[in-house]
Amino acid sequence: MAARTHTVTNQAPPLVAYDLFTADRALVEAVGRHLDPALLDEAHSELSALGRTSGSTQVQKWGALANENPPKLLTHDRYGERLDEVEFHPSWHRLLGKGVSAGLTAAWSRPGGHVRRAAGFLVWSQVEAGNGCPLSMTHAAVPALRTDPALAAEWEPRLTSTVYDQDLRPAAQKAGALFGMGMTEKQGGSDVRANTTAARPLAEDGTYELTGHKWFCSAPMSDGFLVLAQAGPAGEQVERGERGERGDQDGRDALTCFLVPRVLADGTRNVFRIQRLKDKLGNRSNASAEVEFDGTWARRVGEEGRGVRSIMGMVAATRLDCVLGSAGLMRQAVAQAVHHCEHREAFGGRLVDKPLMRNVLADLALESEAATTLALRLAAAYDDGGEQERAFLRLAVPAAKYWVTKRCTPVVAEALECLGGNGYVEESGMPRLLRESPLNSIWEGAGNVQALDVLRALQREPAALNAYLREVGLARGADHRLDGAIKNLLTELADLDGVEGRARRIVERIALVLQGSLLVRFAPPEVADAFCASRLGGDWGSSLGTLPHTLDLASVVERARPVS
């Protein structure tokens, strides 16, 4: 009789062996909306294959193992020689190899590449978010390198390759390469113009020698890195330990972008001293390092003194990946919550059928769909590449990065609570999602940085606001709450003097109005109605699960189901 106490009932089965792409209705519809019909069959086939891989038991296990076995720093070999390598668990390499082979660094080399890659990145982020860092850095390095046609011709084929080669060899000997980035320093953080890394020219061919320390270096085992350093007179002052002007507002004769290869052309290691790995809250599988340059060989990217301008293309692309990564985390958290509540019974029925739980799940589902819809719209703007779409991205990317990444943590935390105590246990996978959830809000510029970036676009680039207003104006007249929100936003924007103190409020409204306009145009009526009533119409509480009870919440939850 004692054995009967070990009979397990009323537990949800593991959410595995399913296609993460085709099960996500909002994502499938967004891909169909933004891709040329001639590309759809091929794209759906690729994304469904990635979705099945992502949902497999084996790959899910790799994600868990990569986080349970974080990377190790190997500073020296057994003989005392500097090694400066990071050792990863085999699961990390398997995951990274899958991501590269799935084309998650190849957006720039094929039609519709950004939408296809964005959908794949959103799906893959649900498996294991840490390997998204080198994938993102490699993808985003391309626009920065394109400021120097010779460097782009040399490196772009390697970065957009679908071959993963983890060995440290000269890049010219590899069929595929990965890139990292080193911008921030301990004394400045987001204020990169306070950087003190100095660049001394070696010759007239654009080669330099770097000396300095980077506080955060992403993906330290990559083949190359884009870094910022002070060149020209500013670099000479830094080397002498002098204080001086850091250049004018555009960074002339000061901050410059450089390409630092990990291994030099002759096979010797470049000076790239890894001081330590960061012990992070989440993102445990991925290595983030402090590195020191001491006579490190580098090539200039773009003009001297134009480093911020040169690297902004990379920053914009990685910011979009922060939006995609957060959308992926939210989607996985919501999928787990809905799946659990469909299989768990309490108080005489399934949790998913209880009105209060249904309200919570529907509210979670709205955040997830709004994030996905917005992220894919931004990716489509990259594919378009026209002047108006570039202006739209200038405002929409930092606004989306600000808002979507900030919504990620409360969404994941509430989804975890839907599983009760089971969600607080590591085996559920929800704690890993929760630890990961604040990351994208911090990386590539935290909330205030994004808000101030939006203000700069509003004040200096009228075309950006015009492009944004044209976009949201496409939905005008379809919902009175959206129309009212657009009117209120225009009132907020009428006076930008002394606006910094209310920048977050403005950016939040910019993002919500944009999400609402997209859902009104493209989402099912019950989704758009619930979003506009709560986020734009004010019929919403201070926590998730406070939607108006008169809405069609059952249909919203049904749309978010991960498995048919």
Protein backbone atom coordinates (compact mmCIF):
# COMPACT_ATOMS: atom_id res chain seq x y z
CA MET A 1 0.00 0.00 0.00
CA ALA A 2 2.90 2.34 0.71
CA ALA A 3 3.84 2.38 -2.98
CA ARG A 4 0.57 4.14 -3.80
CA THR A 5 1.91 7.35 -2.27
CA HIS A 6 4.40 7.53 -5.15
CA THR A 7 1.70 7.54 -7.82
CA VAL A 8 1.86 10.94 -9.51
CA THR A 9 -1.38 12.54 -10.65
CA ASN A 10 -2.58 16.02 -11.58
CA GLN A 11 0.82 17.16 -12.85
CA ALA A 12 1.40 18.79 -16.22
CA PRO A 13 3.60 16.75 -18.57
CA PRO A 14 6.86 18.37 -19.76
CA LEU A 15 6.38 20.83 -22.59
CA VAL A 16 8.71 19.13 -25.08
CA ALA A 17 8.61 17.46 -28.49
CA TYR A 18 6.73 20.26 -30.21
CA ASP A 19 7.44 22.91 -32.85
CA LEU A 20 8.06 26.24 -31.12
CA PHE A 21 7.58 28.14 -34.37
CA THR A 22 4.33 26.75 -35.74
CA ALA A 23 2.81 26.70 -32.24
CA ASP A 24 3.28 30.47 -32.00
CA ARG A 25 0.36 31.89 -33.98
CA ALA A 26 1.41 35.52 -33.58
CA LEU A 27 4.91 34.77 -34.86
CA VAL A 28 3.74 32.68 -37.82
CA GLU A 29 1.33 35.43 -38.86
CA ALA A 30 4.01 38.12 -38.54
CA VAL A 31 6.39 36.17 -40.78
CA GLY A 32 3.64 35.71 -43.34
CA ARG A 33 2.79 39.40 -43.19
CA HIS A 34 6.31 40.71 -43.72
CA LEU A 35 7.89 38.23 -46.13
CA ASP A 36 7.56 38.15 -49.88
CA PRO A 37 5.09 35.33 -50.71
CA ALA A 38 7.73 33.76 -52.95
CA LEU A 39 9.91 33.22 -49.87
CA LEU A 40 7.26 31.92 -47.51
CA ASP A 41 7.40 28.19 -48.19
CA GLU A 42 11.16 28.04 -47.81
CA ALA A 43 11.12 30.27 -44.73
CA HIS A 44 8.35 28.28 -43.05
CA SER A 45 10.21 25.05 -43.72
CA GLU A 46 13.43 26.43 -42.21
CA LEU A 47 11.72 27.98 -39.19
CA SER A 48 9.62 24.91 -38.52
CA ALA A 49 12.75 22.76 -38.59
CA LEU A 50 14.36 25.11 -36.09
CA GLY A 51 11.16 25.08 -34.05
CA ARG A 52 11.16 21.28 -33.85
CA THR A 53 14.84 21.29 -32.92
CA SER A 54 14.19 23.88 -30.24
CA GLY A 55 11.33 21.90 -28.78
CA SER A 56 13.18 18.59 -28.71
CA THR A 57 14.03 16.93 -25.43
CA GLN A 58 17.71 16.72 -26.36
CA VAL A 59 18.16 20.39 -27.17
CA GLN A 60 16.22 21.47 -24.10
CA LYS A 61 18.62 19.33 -22.08
CA TRP A 62 21.60 21.02 -23.72
CA GLY A 63 20.23 24.38 -22.60
CA ALA A 64 19.97 23.19 -19.00
CA LEU A 65 23.46 21.66 -19.04
CA ALA A 66 25.07 24.77 -20.50
CA ASN A 67 23.72 26.80 -17.60
CA GLU A 68 24.48 24.20 -14.93
CA ASN A 69 28.11 24.11 -16.14
CA PRO A 70 29.18 27.74 -16.63
CA PRO A 71 32.36 28.65 -18.54
CA LYS A 72 35.76 28.53 -16.86
CA LEU A 73 38.62 30.95 -17.33
CA LEU A 74 42.03 29.43 -18.14
CA THR A 75 44.55 32.21 -17.71
CA HIS A 76 47.74 30.09 -18.00
CA ASP A 77 48.79 26.70 -19.28
CA ARG A 78 50.60 24.11 -17.16
CA TYR A 79 53.95 25.70 -17.92
CA GLY A 80 52.98 29.18 -16.78
CA GLU A 81 52.48 30.67 -20.25
CA ARG A 82 49.54 33.02 -20.79
CA LEU A 83 46.63 31.15 -22.30
CA ASP A 84 43.67 33.52 -21.92
CA GLU A 85 41.03 31.06 -23.00
CA VAL A 86 37.53 30.26 -21.82
CA GLU A 87 36.47 26.65 -21.56
CA PHE A 88 32.80 25.89 -22.25
CA HIS A 89 30.68 22.82 -21.62
CA PRO A 90 30.16 20.74 -24.79
CA SER A 91 26.46 21.64 -24.70
CA TRP A 92 27.38 25.29 -25.27
CA HIS A 93 29.23 24.44 -28.46
CA ARG A 94 26.37 22.24 -29.66
CA LEU A 95 23.89 25.06 -29.11
CA LEU A 96 26.07 27.71 -30.71
CA GLY A 97 26.72 25.44 -33.67
CA LYS A 98 23.00 24.91 -34.15
CA GLY A 99 22.37 28.65 -34.00
CA VAL A 100 25.04 29.42 -36.60
CA SER A 101 23.90 26.62 -38.93
CA ALA A 102 20.31 27.91 -38.65
CA GLY A 103 21.40 31.19 -40.24
CA LEU A 104 21.12 33.36 -37.13
CA THR A 105 24.17 35.33 -38.27
CA ALA A 106 23.26 35.35 -41.97
CA ALA A 107 20.51 37.97 -42.22
CA TRP A 108 22.53 40.32 -44.40
CA SER A 109 23.20 37.81 -47.16
CA ARG A 110 19.72 36.72 -48.33
CA PRO A 111 16.32 38.19 -49.32
CA GLY A 112 13.99 38.74 -46.39
CA GLY A 113 16.91 37.83 -44.20
CA HIS A 114 16.08 40.06 -41.26
CA VAL A 115 12.52 38.84 -40.82
CA ARG A 116 13.59 35.22 -41.21
CA ARG A 117 16.49 35.64 -38.85
CA ALA A 118 14.39 37.59 -36.31
CA ALA A 119 11.80 34.82 -36.18
CA GLY A 120 14.54 32.23 -35.77
CA PHE A 121 16.30 34.25 -33.07
CA LEU A 122 13.03 34.62 -31.15
CA VAL A 123 12.47 30.87 -31.31
CA TRP A 124 16.06 29.96 -30.44
CA SER A 125 16.14 32.36 -27.47
CA GLN A 126 13.51 30.19 -25.82
CA VAL A 127 15.92 27.26 -25.66
CA GLU A 128 18.94 28.96 -24.13
CA ALA A 129 19.48 32.70 -24.15
CA GLY A 130 23.20 32.78 -23.39
CA ASN A 131 24.41 31.63 -26.80
CA GLY A 132 22.33 34.42 -28.29
CA CYS A 133 25.09 36.86 -27.27
CA PRO A 134 27.80 35.72 -29.74
CA LEU A 135 25.12 35.13 -32.38
CA SER A 136 23.87 38.68 -31.89
CA MET A 137 27.31 40.28 -31.82
CA THR A 138 28.35 38.46 -35.00
CA HIS A 139 25.16 39.43 -36.81
CA ALA A 140 25.39 43.05 -35.66
CA ALA A 141 29.06 43.55 -36.58
CA VAL A 142 28.24 43.62 -40.29
CA PRO A 143 26.81 47.18 -40.52
CA ALA A 144 29.72 48.54 -38.50
CA LEU A 145 32.27 46.85 -40.75
CA ARG A 146 30.49 48.17 -43.82
CA THR A 147 31.76 51.64 -42.92
CA ASP A 148 35.09 50.27 -44.19
CA PRO A 149 34.50 48.48 -47.52
CA ALA A 150 37.85 46.68 -47.44
CA LEU A 151 37.22 45.23 -43.99
CA ALA A 152 33.66 44.31 -44.92
CA ALA A 153 34.84 42.44 -48.02
CA GLU A 154 37.30 40.50 -45.89
CA TRP A 155 35.12 39.68 -42.89
CA GLU A 156 31.48 39.68 -43.96
CA PRO A 157 31.58 36.28 -45.75
CA ARG A 158 32.97 34.70 -42.57
CA LEU A 159 30.44 36.35 -40.28
CA THR A 160 27.43 35.41 -42.40
CA SER A 161 28.64 31.83 -42.84
CA THR A 162 26.57 28.93 -41.50
CA VAL A 163 29.73 27.08 -40.41
CA TYR A 164 30.67 27.10 -36.73
CA ASP A 165 34.41 26.69 -36.12
CA GLN A 166 35.33 27.01 -32.45
CA ASP A 167 39.12 26.73 -32.89
CA LEU A 168 41.35 29.76 -32.37
CA ARG A 169 43.10 30.12 -35.72
CA PRO A 170 43.74 33.00 -38.11
CA ALA A 171 40.38 34.07 -39.47
CA ALA A 172 41.59 33.66 -43.04
CA GLN A 173 41.89 29.92 -42.41
CA LYS A 174 38.31 29.54 -41.15
CA ALA A 175 35.07 28.96 -43.04
CA GLY A 176 33.12 30.85 -40.40
CA ALA A 177 33.92 33.38 -37.69
CA LEU A 178 32.27 34.97 -34.65
CA PHE A 179 32.54 38.52 -33.36
CA GLY A 180 32.42 40.13 -29.94
CA MET A 181 32.40 43.71 -28.73
CA GLY A 182 34.21 45.80 -26.13
CA MET A 183 32.83 49.29 -25.53
CA THR A 184 32.38 50.01 -21.83
CA GLU A 185 35.07 50.74 -19.29
CA LYS A 186 34.91 50.80 -15.49
CA GLN A 187 35.12 54.57 -15.13
CA GLY A 188 32.43 55.36 -17.67
CA GLY A 189 29.98 52.52 -18.27
CA SER A 190 27.39 53.78 -20.74
CA ASP A 191 29.31 57.04 -21.10
CA VAL A 192 31.70 55.60 -23.67
CA ARG A 193 33.22 59.03 -24.38
CA ALA A 194 34.89 58.68 -20.96
CA ASN A 195 36.88 55.72 -22.30
CA THR A 196 40.62 55.84 -21.65
CA THR A 197 41.87 52.98 -23.84
CA ALA A 198 44.52 54.59 -26.04
CA ALA A 199 45.29 53.85 -29.70
CA ARG A 200 48.74 54.59 -31.11
CA PRO A 201 49.15 54.42 -34.90
CA LEU A 202 51.71 51.91 -36.15
CA ALA A 203 51.67 52.84 -39.83
CA GLU A 204 49.74 54.78 -42.45
CA ASP A 205 47.71 51.69 -43.33
CA GLY A 206 45.20 52.05 -40.49
CA THR A 207 46.94 49.71 -38.05
CA TYR A 208 47.25 50.70 -34.39
CA GLU A 209 48.43 49.47 -31.04
CA LEU A 210 45.90 49.56 -28.19
CA THR A 211 46.53 49.94 -24.47
CA GLY A 212 43.67 49.83 -21.98
CA HIS A 213 41.08 47.82 -20.10
CA LYS A 214 37.50 46.90 -21.02
CA TRP A 215 35.07 46.36 -18.15
CA PHE A 216 32.65 44.27 -20.24
CA CYS A 217 33.77 42.31 -23.27
CA SER A 218 31.13 40.13 -24.85
CA ALA A 219 31.91 36.67 -26.23
CA PRO A 220 35.68 36.64 -25.39
CA MET A 221 36.42 33.49 -27.43
CA SER A 222 35.33 35.14 -30.67
CA ASP A 223 37.60 35.56 -33.70
CA GLY A 224 37.38 39.34 -33.73
CA PHE A 225 36.10 42.25 -31.66
CA LEU A 226 34.91 45.76 -32.32
CA VAL A 227 36.27 48.07 -29.63
CA LEU A 228 36.39 51.80 -28.94
CA ALA A 229 39.60 53.64 -28.08
CA GLN A 230 40.92 57.20 -28.03
CA ALA A 231 43.05 57.98 -31.07
CA GLY A 232 44.83 61.04 -32.36
CA PRO A 233 45.73 63.78 -29.84
CA ALA A 234 43.27 62.37 -27.30
CA GLY A 235 44.96 58.98 -27.41
CA GLU A 236 48.37 60.55 -26.93
CA GLN A 237 47.07 62.45 -23.90
CA VAL A 238 45.64 59.27 -22.42
CA GLU A 239 48.94 57.45 -22.88
CA ARG A 240 50.77 60.29 -21.10
CA GLY A 241 48.18 60.31 -18.33
CA GLU A 242 47.04 63.84 -19.17
CA ARG A 243 43.56 65.26 -19.02
CA GLY A 244 42.39 66.98 -22.16
CA GLU A 245 39.46 67.63 -24.41
CA ARG A 246 37.80 64.44 -25.58
CA GLY A 247 36.87 65.90 -28.93
CA ASP A 248 33.82 67.80 -30.06
CA GLN A 249 30.25 66.58 -29.89
CA ASP A 250 30.70 64.27 -32.85
CA GLY A 251 33.82 62.69 -31.36
CA ARG A 252 36.34 64.15 -33.86
CA ASP A 253 40.00 63.43 -33.12
CA ALA A 254 39.06 61.20 -30.20
CA LEU A 255 36.96 58.08 -29.91
CA THR A 256 37.58 55.66 -32.76
CA CYS A 257 36.34 52.17 -33.65
CA PHE A 258 38.85 49.33 -34.08
CA LEU A 259 38.82 45.70 -35.13
CA VAL A 260 40.87 43.52 -32.80
CA PRO A 261 41.54 40.00 -34.15
CA ARG A 262 41.96 37.27 -31.55
CA VAL A 263 44.64 35.52 -33.61
CA LEU A 264 47.01 37.39 -35.92
CA ALA A 265 47.59 36.46 -39.54
CA ASP A 266 50.86 34.67 -38.75
CA GLY A 267 49.09 32.39 -36.25
CA THR A 268 50.34 34.09 -33.09
CA ARG A 269 47.87 35.18 -30.42
CA ASN A 270 47.07 38.87 -30.21
CA VAL A 271 47.53 40.44 -26.76
CA PHE A 272 44.10 39.82 -25.25
CA ARG A 273 44.46 39.26 -21.53
CA ILE A 274 41.30 38.02 -19.86
CA GLN A 275 41.42 39.31 -16.29
CA ARG A 276 38.29 37.59 -15.03
CA LEU A 277 34.82 36.42 -16.02
CA LYS A 278 31.80 38.22 -14.59
CA ASP A 279 29.73 36.29 -12.06
CA LYS A 280 26.29 37.24 -13.38
CA LEU A 281 22.75 36.95 -12.06
CA GLY A 282 21.65 35.06 -15.17
CA ASN A 283 23.05 34.30 -18.59
CA ARG A 284 25.24 31.79 -16.80
CA SER A 285 26.20 29.79 -19.88
CA ASN A 286 27.75 32.80 -21.59
CA ALA A 287 31.12 34.32 -20.76
CA SER A 288 31.34 38.07 -20.17
CA ALA A 289 34.88 39.17 -19.45
CA GLU A 290 37.15 41.96 -18.36
CA VAL A 291 40.03 42.17 -20.82
CA GLU A 292 43.27 44.10 -20.96
CA PHE A 293 45.00 45.41 -24.07
CA ASP A 294 48.75 45.98 -23.82
CA GLY A 295 50.27 46.61 -27.21
CA THR A 296 47.32 44.88 -28.85
CA TRP A 297 47.30 45.00 -32.65
CA ALA A 298 44.18 46.53 -34.21
CA ARG A 299 42.83 47.91 -37.46
CA ARG A 300 40.86 51.12 -37.61
CA VAL A 301 37.21 50.84 -38.70
CA GLY A 302 35.96 53.99 -40.38
CA GLU A 303 37.43 57.42 -39.83
CA GLU A 304 39.57 58.33 -36.87
CA GLY A 305 37.47 60.16 -34.29
CA ARG A 306 34.19 58.75 -35.63
CA GLY A 307 34.04 55.68 -33.43
CA VAL A 308 30.58 56.18 -32.02
CA ARG A 309 29.16 56.80 -35.47
CA SER A 310 30.97 53.74 -36.86
CA ILE A 311 29.74 51.39 -34.16
CA MET A 312 26.13 52.67 -33.92
CA GLY A 313 25.02 50.30 -36.65
CA MET A 314 26.15 47.43 -34.46
CA VAL A 315 24.46 48.92 -31.40
CA ALA A 316 21.14 49.39 -33.20
CA ALA A 317 21.16 45.79 -34.43
CA THR A 318 21.99 44.40 -30.99
CA ARG A 319 19.25 46.53 -29.45
CA LEU A 320 16.75 44.91 -31.79
CA ASP A 321 18.09 41.55 -30.64
CA CYS A 322 17.40 42.61 -27.05
CA VAL A 323 13.77 43.14 -28.09
CA LEU A 324 13.69 39.77 -29.84
CA GLY A 325 15.36 38.00 -26.93
CA SER A 326 12.88 39.44 -24.45
CA ALA A 327 9.99 38.55 -26.73
CA GLY A 328 11.33 34.99 -26.85
CA LEU A 329 11.62 34.75 -23.07
CA MET A 330 8.08 36.09 -22.65
CA ARG A 331 6.72 33.68 -25.21
CA GLN A 332 8.33 30.68 -23.51
CA ALA A 333 7.14 31.79 -20.07
CA VAL A 334 3.58 32.25 -21.33
CA ALA A 335 3.67 28.91 -23.17
CA GLN A 336 4.76 27.16 -19.98
CA ALA A 337 2.06 28.90 -17.93
CA VAL A 338 -0.77 28.11 -20.33
CA HIS A 339 0.44 24.52 -20.75
CA HIS A 340 0.54 24.00 -16.99
CA CYS A 341 -2.89 25.50 -16.43
CA GLU A 342 -4.44 23.36 -19.16
CA HIS A 343 -3.27 20.18 -17.41
CA ARG A 344 -3.53 21.15 -13.76
CA GLU A 345 -6.84 20.83 -11.89
CA ALA A 346 -7.81 22.63 -8.70
CA PHE A 347 -11.04 23.51 -6.94
CA GLY A 348 -13.10 21.23 -9.13
CA GLY A 349 -11.80 22.06 -12.61
CA ARG A 350 -8.90 22.94 -14.88
CA LEU A 351 -6.97 26.04 -13.89
CA VAL A 352 -7.21 27.43 -17.40
CA ASP A 353 -11.02 27.52 -17.09
CA LYS A 354 -11.04 29.50 -13.85
CA PRO A 355 -12.04 33.11 -14.58
CA LEU A 356 -9.29 34.67 -12.47
CA MET A 357 -6.52 32.47 -13.87
CA ARG A 358 -7.86 33.05 -17.36
CA ASN A 359 -7.52 36.78 -16.78
CA VAL A 360 -3.89 36.37 -15.72
CA LEU A 361 -3.05 34.17 -18.69
CA ALA A 362 -4.77 36.50 -21.13
CA ASP A 363 -2.89 39.49 -19.76
CA LEU A 364 0.40 37.60 -20.13
CA ALA A 365 -0.53 36.57 -23.65
CA LEU A 366 -1.21 40.20 -24.64
CA GLU A 367 2.28 41.27 -23.56
CA SER A 368 3.84 38.39 -25.46
CA GLU A 369 1.95 38.98 -28.68
CA ALA A 370 2.49 42.74 -28.59
CA ALA A 371 6.24 42.21 -28.15
CA THR A 372 6.44 39.67 -30.98
CA THR A 373 4.40 41.79 -33.37
CA LEU A 374 6.51 44.88 -32.72
CA ALA A 375 9.83 43.02 -32.98
CA LEU A 376 8.98 41.52 -36.38
CA ARG A 377 7.80 44.89 -37.65
CA LEU A 378 11.22 46.34 -36.82
CA ALA A 379 12.96 43.45 -38.56
CA ALA A 380 10.86 44.10 -41.67
CA ALA A 381 12.02 47.73 -41.64
CA TYR A 382 15.62 46.49 -41.80
CA ASP A 383 14.77 44.36 -44.83
CA ASP A 384 13.10 47.31 -46.54
CA GLY A 385 16.10 49.59 -46.02
CA GLY A 386 14.38 52.65 -47.49
CA GLU A 387 14.86 56.18 -46.16
CA GLN A 388 11.51 56.30 -44.38
CA GLU A 389 12.04 52.91 -42.74
CA ARG A 390 15.50 53.94 -41.56
CA ALA A 391 13.99 57.05 -40.00
CA PHE A 392 11.29 54.91 -38.37
CA LEU A 393 13.91 52.61 -36.87
CA ARG A 394 15.81 55.55 -35.43
CA LEU A 395 12.91 56.22 -33.05
CA ALA A 396 11.21 52.84 -32.84
CA VAL A 397 14.24 50.68 -31.95
CA PRO A 398 15.24 52.50 -28.72
CA ALA A 399 11.57 52.90 -27.74
CA ALA A 400 10.91 49.19 -28.27
CA LYS A 401 14.15 48.26 -26.53
CA TYR A 402 13.14 50.37 -23.55
CA TRP A 403 9.60 49.06 -23.20
CA VAL A 404 9.66 45.42 -24.30
CA THR A 405 12.74 44.56 -22.27
CA LYS A 406 11.25 46.21 -19.18
CA ARG A 407 8.03 44.24 -19.51
CA CYS A 408 9.93 40.95 -19.65
CA THR A 409 10.65 40.55 -15.93
CA PRO A 410 7.10 41.11 -14.61
CA VAL A 411 5.71 38.83 -17.32
CA VAL A 412 8.11 36.00 -16.54
CA ALA A 413 7.61 36.41 -12.78
CA GLU A 414 3.82 36.25 -13.14
CA ALA A 415 4.04 33.26 -15.47
CA LEU A 416 6.25 31.50 -12.92
CA GLU A 417 3.59 32.13 -10.27
CA CYS A 418 1.00 30.40 -12.46
CA LEU A 419 2.90 27.17 -11.78
CA GLY A 420 2.81 27.80 -8.05
CA GLY A 421 5.57 26.16 -6.06
CA ASN A 422 6.47 24.01 -9.06
CA GLY A 423 7.51 27.16 -10.91
CA TYR A 424 9.94 28.12 -8.15
CA VAL A 425 11.82 24.85 -8.51
CA GLU A 426 14.79 24.74 -10.88
CA GLU A 427 13.55 21.61 -12.65
CA SER A 428 10.66 23.59 -14.13
CA GLY A 429 13.03 25.84 -16.07
CA MET A 430 11.14 28.91 -14.92
CA PRO A 431 13.84 30.18 -12.50
CA ARG A 432 16.33 30.25 -15.37
CA LEU A 433 13.89 32.33 -17.43
CA LEU A 434 13.40 34.68 -14.49
CA ARG A 435 17.14 35.16 -13.93
CA GLU A 436 17.53 35.88 -17.62
CA SER A 437 14.63 38.33 -17.80
CA PRO A 438 16.34 41.59 -16.62
CA LEU A 439 19.34 41.14 -18.88
CA ASN A 440 18.14 42.69 -22.12
CA SER A 441 16.96 45.81 -20.33
CA ILE A 442 20.52 46.39 -19.09
CA TRP A 443 22.69 45.33 -22.04
CA GLU A 444 23.26 47.70 -24.95
CA GLY A 445 22.16 50.67 -22.85
CA ALA A 446 19.84 50.52 -19.86
CA GLY A 447 16.46 52.21 -19.65
CA ASN A 448 17.61 55.79 -19.19
CA VAL A 449 20.07 55.49 -22.07
CA GLN A 450 17.26 54.35 -24.37
CA ALA A 451 14.92 57.09 -23.18
CA LEU A 452 17.54 59.77 -23.79
CA ASP A 453 18.28 58.30 -27.20
CA VAL A 454 14.60 58.66 -28.09
CA LEU A 455 14.68 62.28 -26.94
CA ARG A 456 17.68 62.98 -29.16
CA ALA A 457 15.86 61.53 -32.13
CA LEU A 458 12.78 63.63 -31.37
CA GLN A 459 14.78 66.83 -31.00
CA ARG A 460 17.30 66.40 -33.81
CA GLU A 461 15.68 64.20 -36.44
CA PRO A 462 12.19 65.35 -37.47
CA ALA A 463 12.05 62.61 -40.09
CA ALA A 464 12.08 59.99 -37.33
CA LEU A 465 8.95 61.36 -35.66
CA ASN A 466 7.26 61.83 -39.02
CA ALA A 467 7.94 58.22 -39.97
CA TYR A 468 6.62 57.02 -36.61
CA LEU A 469 3.43 59.09 -36.91
CA ARG A 470 2.85 57.81 -40.44
CA GLU A 471 3.14 54.25 -39.11
CA VAL A 472 0.72 54.62 -36.20
CA GLY A 473 -1.56 56.75 -38.36
CA LEU A 474 -2.29 53.71 -40.52
CA ALA A 475 -4.55 52.45 -37.73
CA ARG A 476 -6.32 55.73 -36.99
CA GLY A 477 -10.09 55.49 -36.87
CA ALA A 478 -10.12 51.77 -36.10
CA ASP A 479 -10.27 52.08 -32.31
CA HIS A 480 -11.29 55.15 -30.30
CA ARG A 481 -8.90 54.29 -27.47
CA LEU A 482 -5.97 54.19 -29.85
CA ASP A 483 -7.07 57.48 -31.39
CA GLY A 484 -7.20 59.03 -27.93
CA ALA A 485 -3.76 57.68 -27.05
CA ILE A 486 -2.27 59.16 -30.24
CA LYS A 487 -3.82 62.53 -29.40
CA ASN A 488 -2.45 62.44 -25.86
CA LEU A 489 0.99 61.48 -27.13
CA LEU A 490 1.02 64.43 -29.53
CA THR A 491 0.16 66.70 -26.60
CA GLU A 492 3.12 65.26 -24.67
CA LEU A 493 5.41 65.84 -27.64
CA ALA A 494 4.27 69.42 -28.23
CA ASP A 495 6.72 70.75 -25.66
CA LEU A 496 10.15 69.14 -25.49
CA ASP A 497 11.79 71.87 -23.40
CA GLY A 498 12.95 70.48 -20.07
CA VAL A 499 11.64 67.11 -21.13
CA GLU A 500 14.31 64.86 -19.63
CA GLY A 501 12.47 64.31 -16.36
CA ARG A 502 9.46 62.86 -18.18
CA ALA A 503 11.41 60.97 -20.84
CA ARG A 504 10.44 57.52 -19.57
CA ARG A 505 6.75 58.43 -19.60
CA ILE A 506 7.00 59.65 -23.19
CA VAL A 507 8.94 56.62 -24.42
CA GLU A 508 6.49 54.24 -22.75
CA ARG A 509 3.60 55.96 -24.55
CA ILE A 510 5.47 55.88 -27.86
CA ALA A 511 5.97 52.12 -27.53
CA LEU A 512 2.43 51.35 -26.35
CA VAL A 513 0.82 53.42 -29.10
CA LEU A 514 2.99 51.66 -31.69
CA GLN A 515 2.11 48.23 -30.29
CA GLY A 516 -1.57 49.14 -30.17
CA SER A 517 -1.58 50.37 -33.76
CA LEU A 518 0.03 47.15 -34.98
CA LEU A 519 -2.38 44.93 -33.05
CA VAL A 520 -5.40 46.91 -34.27
CA ARG A 521 -4.23 46.39 -37.84
CA PHE A 522 -3.08 42.79 -37.67
CA ALA A 523 -4.20 40.88 -34.57
CA PRO A 524 -7.57 39.18 -34.02
CA PRO A 525 -10.23 41.61 -32.71
CA GLU A 526 -10.27 40.07 -29.23
CA VAL A 527 -6.52 40.65 -28.85
CA ALA A 528 -6.59 44.23 -30.13
CA ASP A 529 -9.68 45.01 -28.03
CA ALA A 530 -8.09 43.73 -24.83
CA PHE A 531 -4.83 45.56 -25.49
CA CYS A 532 -6.48 48.89 -26.27
CA ALA A 533 -8.90 48.65 -23.35
CA SER A 534 -6.13 47.99 -20.85
CA ARG A 535 -2.89 49.55 -22.12
CA LEU A 536 -4.40 52.54 -23.92
CA GLY A 537 -7.88 52.94 -22.45
CA GLY A 538 -6.84 52.80 -18.80
CA ASP A 539 -9.16 49.93 -17.78
CA TRP A 540 -6.33 48.03 -16.11
CA GLY A 541 -4.90 47.53 -12.64
CA SER A 542 -1.38 47.81 -11.31
CA SER A 543 -0.60 44.11 -11.76
CA LEU A 544 -1.13 41.53 -14.47
CA GLY A 545 -4.45 39.73 -14.37
CA THR A 546 -6.57 42.86 -14.04
CA LEU A 547 -8.10 43.03 -17.51
CA PRO A 548 -11.78 44.02 -17.88
CA HIS A 549 -13.78 40.86 -17.20
CA THR A 550 -16.19 41.59 -20.05
CA LEU A 551 -13.55 40.91 -22.73
CA ASP A 552 -13.24 37.67 -24.71
CA LEU A 553 -10.34 36.41 -22.61
CA ALA A 554 -10.85 32.74 -23.44
CA SER A 555 -10.02 33.41 -27.09
CA VAL A 556 -6.91 35.36 -26.13
CA VAL A 557 -5.67 32.46 -24.00
CA GLU A 558 -6.56 29.89 -26.66
CA ARG A 559 -4.45 31.80 -29.18
CA ALA A 560 -1.44 31.54 -26.85
CA ARG A 561 -1.61 27.74 -26.45
CA PRO A 562 1.75 26.16 -27.30
CA VAL A 563 0.38 22.78 -28.43
CA SER A 564 -2.79 22.07 -30.36
